[in-house]
N, C-alpha and C. Protein backbone atom coordinates (compact mmCIF):
# COMPACT_ATOMS: atom_id res chain seq x y z
N MET A 1 109.23 82.49 74.97
CA MET A 1 108.28 83.76 75.36
C MET A 1 107.21 82.79 76.75
N ILE A 2 107.01 83.85 77.54
CA ILE A 2 106.66 83.50 78.75
C ILE A 2 105.83 83.80 78.66
N HIS A 3 104.13 83.24 79.17
CA HIS A 3 102.98 84.08 78.59
C HIS A 3 102.63 83.53 80.04
N LEU A 4 101.32 84.79 80.81
CA LEU A 4 101.37 85.09 82.29
C LEU A 4 99.72 85.41 82.22
N TYR A 5 98.71 84.66 82.14
CA TYR A 5 97.74 84.81 82.26
C TYR A 5 97.14 85.61 83.82
N HIS A 6 96.75 86.80 83.96
CA HIS A 6 96.51 87.84 85.45
C HIS A 6 95.24 88.14 85.74
N CYS A 7 95.23 88.46 86.82
CA CYS A 7 93.84 89.28 87.44
C CYS A 7 94.10 90.26 88.23
N VAL A 8 93.42 91.03 88.45
CA VAL A 8 94.14 92.57 88.79
C VAL A 8 93.90 91.58 90.14
N SER A 9 94.93 92.21 91.28
CA SER A 9 94.27 91.86 92.85
C SER A 9 94.31 90.68 92.94
N ALA A 10 94.63 89.88 91.99
CA ALA A 10 94.84 88.38 92.20
C ALA A 10 96.70 88.25 92.80
N ARG A 11 96.54 86.42 93.33
CA ARG A 11 97.83 86.11 93.53
C ARG A 11 98.63 86.08 92.45
N SER A 12 97.86 86.29 91.35
CA SER A 12 99.29 85.98 89.74
C SER A 12 99.91 87.52 89.90
N PHE A 13 99.58 88.19 90.84
CA PHE A 13 100.26 89.25 91.35
C PHE A 13 101.99 88.70 91.27
N ARG A 14 101.90 88.23 92.33
CA ARG A 14 103.19 87.54 92.54
C ARG A 14 104.13 87.50 91.78
N PRO A 15 103.95 86.20 90.38
CA PRO A 15 104.78 85.71 89.62
C PRO A 15 105.17 86.83 88.75
N LEU A 16 103.96 87.85 88.29
CA LEU A 16 103.92 89.03 87.57
C LEU A 16 104.86 90.31 88.48
N TRP A 17 105.42 90.06 89.36
CA TRP A 17 106.29 90.75 90.10
C TRP A 17 107.67 90.48 89.93
N MET A 18 107.39 88.88 89.37
CA MET A 18 109.16 88.45 89.56
C MET A 18 109.74 88.47 88.23
N LEU A 19 108.68 88.27 87.57
CA LEU A 19 109.11 88.72 86.25
C LEU A 19 109.88 90.41 86.00
N GLN A 20 108.97 91.09 86.24
CA GLN A 20 109.53 92.64 86.33
C GLN A 20 110.32 92.73 86.90
N GLU A 21 110.88 92.26 88.17
CA GLU A 21 112.27 92.08 88.71
C GLU A 21 113.52 91.54 87.61
N LEU A 22 113.16 90.57 87.95
CA LEU A 22 114.13 89.74 86.56
C LEU A 22 114.40 90.18 85.21
N GLN A 23 113.47 91.87 85.08
CA GLN A 23 113.04 92.21 83.68
C GLN A 23 113.08 90.67 82.10
N GLN A 24 112.56 90.18 82.98
CA GLN A 24 111.95 89.35 81.61
C GLN A 24 111.13 89.34 80.58
N PRO A 25 110.81 88.93 79.60
CA PRO A 25 109.82 89.82 78.97
C PRO A 25 108.85 88.62 79.11
N CYS A 26 107.65 89.02 78.55
CA CYS A 26 106.66 87.75 78.87
C CYS A 26 105.49 88.67 78.50
N GLN A 27 104.51 87.92 77.74
CA GLN A 27 103.35 88.07 76.69
C GLN A 27 102.04 88.51 78.04
N LEU A 28 101.27 89.16 78.59
CA LEU A 28 100.89 89.04 79.66
C LEU A 28 99.53 89.38 79.44
N HIS A 29 98.42 88.13 79.82
CA HIS A 29 97.15 88.21 79.36
C HIS A 29 96.07 88.64 80.51
N MET A 30 95.66 89.74 80.32
CA MET A 30 94.83 90.32 81.68
C MET A 30 93.62 89.87 81.47
N LEU A 31 92.71 88.79 83.00
CA LEU A 31 91.61 88.57 82.63
C LEU A 31 90.50 89.15 83.19
N PRO A 32 89.27 89.40 83.44
CA PRO A 32 88.67 89.63 84.90
C PRO A 32 88.25 88.97 85.96
N PHE A 33 87.77 89.35 86.74
CA PHE A 33 87.97 88.03 87.74
C PHE A 33 86.51 87.77 88.17
N PRO A 34 86.28 86.73 89.24
CA PRO A 34 86.77 85.28 88.53
C PRO A 34 87.11 85.30 87.04
N PRO A 35 87.92 84.51 86.39
CA PRO A 35 87.72 84.53 84.98
C PRO A 35 87.63 82.73 84.48
N ARG A 36 87.06 82.03 85.44
CA ARG A 36 85.99 80.62 85.45
C ARG A 36 84.84 81.04 85.57
N VAL A 37 84.20 82.42 85.70
CA VAL A 37 82.80 82.65 85.42
C VAL A 37 83.13 83.52 84.37
N LEU A 38 84.09 84.73 84.39
CA LEU A 38 83.90 86.14 83.41
C LEU A 38 84.81 86.07 82.06
N ALA A 39 85.62 84.43 82.02
CA ALA A 39 86.45 84.57 80.53
C ALA A 39 86.11 83.16 80.04
N ARG A 40 85.18 82.68 80.35
CA ARG A 40 85.05 81.03 79.80
C ARG A 40 85.55 80.34 78.78
N ASP A 41 86.34 81.45 77.86
CA ASP A 41 86.95 80.77 77.00
C ASP A 41 88.46 80.53 77.96
N PHE A 42 88.66 81.13 78.32
CA PHE A 42 89.98 80.77 78.97
C PHE A 42 90.11 79.40 79.86
N LEU A 43 88.65 78.57 80.08
CA LEU A 43 89.10 76.91 80.28
C LEU A 43 89.77 76.02 79.39
N THR A 44 90.41 76.93 78.45
CA THR A 44 90.62 75.55 77.45
C THR A 44 91.90 75.67 77.34
N GLU A 45 92.52 77.27 78.10
CA GLU A 45 93.83 76.90 78.72
C GLU A 45 94.01 76.24 80.13
N ASN A 46 92.76 76.74 80.54
CA ASN A 46 93.00 75.97 82.76
C ASN A 46 91.86 75.53 82.90
N PRO A 47 91.87 74.40 82.69
CA PRO A 47 90.17 73.73 83.18
C PRO A 47 89.99 74.21 83.91
N LEU A 48 90.93 74.34 85.21
CA LEU A 48 90.36 74.86 86.64
C LEU A 48 89.66 76.23 86.19
N GLY A 49 90.38 77.06 85.91
CA GLY A 49 90.00 78.36 85.38
C GLY A 49 90.60 79.43 86.59
N THR A 50 91.42 78.89 87.14
CA THR A 50 92.55 79.82 88.06
C THR A 50 93.41 80.65 87.67
N VAL A 51 94.07 81.15 88.27
CA VAL A 51 95.15 82.41 88.08
C VAL A 51 96.09 82.29 88.98
N PRO A 52 97.55 82.43 88.97
CA PRO A 52 97.89 82.81 87.53
C PRO A 52 97.92 81.55 87.43
N LEU A 53 98.42 81.22 85.51
CA LEU A 53 98.75 80.10 84.98
C LEU A 53 100.38 80.77 83.99
N LEU A 54 101.37 80.47 84.59
CA LEU A 54 102.08 80.82 83.71
C LEU A 54 102.41 79.60 82.80
N VAL A 55 102.59 79.78 81.68
CA VAL A 55 103.04 79.22 80.06
C VAL A 55 104.83 79.29 79.33
N HIS A 56 104.82 78.31 79.15
CA HIS A 56 106.72 78.98 78.53
C HIS A 56 106.63 77.10 78.25
N GLY A 57 106.67 77.12 76.88
CA GLY A 57 106.92 75.76 76.19
C GLY A 57 106.00 74.99 76.65
N GLU A 58 106.67 73.69 76.56
CA GLU A 58 105.48 72.65 77.31
C GLU A 58 105.08 72.92 79.02
N VAL A 59 106.01 73.89 79.56
CA VAL A 59 105.65 74.46 81.19
C VAL A 59 104.59 74.82 81.27
N ARG A 60 103.30 74.13 81.96
CA ARG A 60 102.34 75.31 83.00
C ARG A 60 102.35 74.70 83.98
N MET A 61 102.58 75.93 85.11
CA MET A 61 101.94 76.32 86.06
C MET A 61 101.15 77.18 86.16
N THR A 62 100.36 76.86 87.80
CA THR A 62 99.22 77.78 87.66
C THR A 62 99.37 77.91 89.82
N GLU A 63 100.63 77.56 90.29
CA GLU A 63 100.98 77.92 91.98
C GLU A 63 101.82 79.17 91.80
N SER A 64 101.49 80.03 91.90
CA SER A 64 102.26 81.22 92.27
C SER A 64 103.20 80.90 93.42
N SER A 65 103.39 80.14 94.01
CA SER A 65 104.25 80.13 95.23
C SER A 65 105.38 79.35 94.69
N ALA A 66 104.98 78.61 93.92
CA ALA A 66 105.98 77.35 92.61
C ALA A 66 106.90 78.45 91.74
N MET A 67 106.03 79.42 91.40
CA MET A 67 106.70 79.75 89.89
C MET A 67 107.43 80.76 90.50
């Protein structure tokens, strides 16, 4: 299962839109913006505290244009 960490009105909308267009099931994790300040526990997933974060098995990506 793909996990996407997302904030409203952030660049994480790009991979969310792509997953929806491909009708790819995913687990969506909504975070407050900015997550590095308002969701400190997210830093265990992504030490930079940035979104998007896409996790699929061993693959972890943080650049929306690469996704």
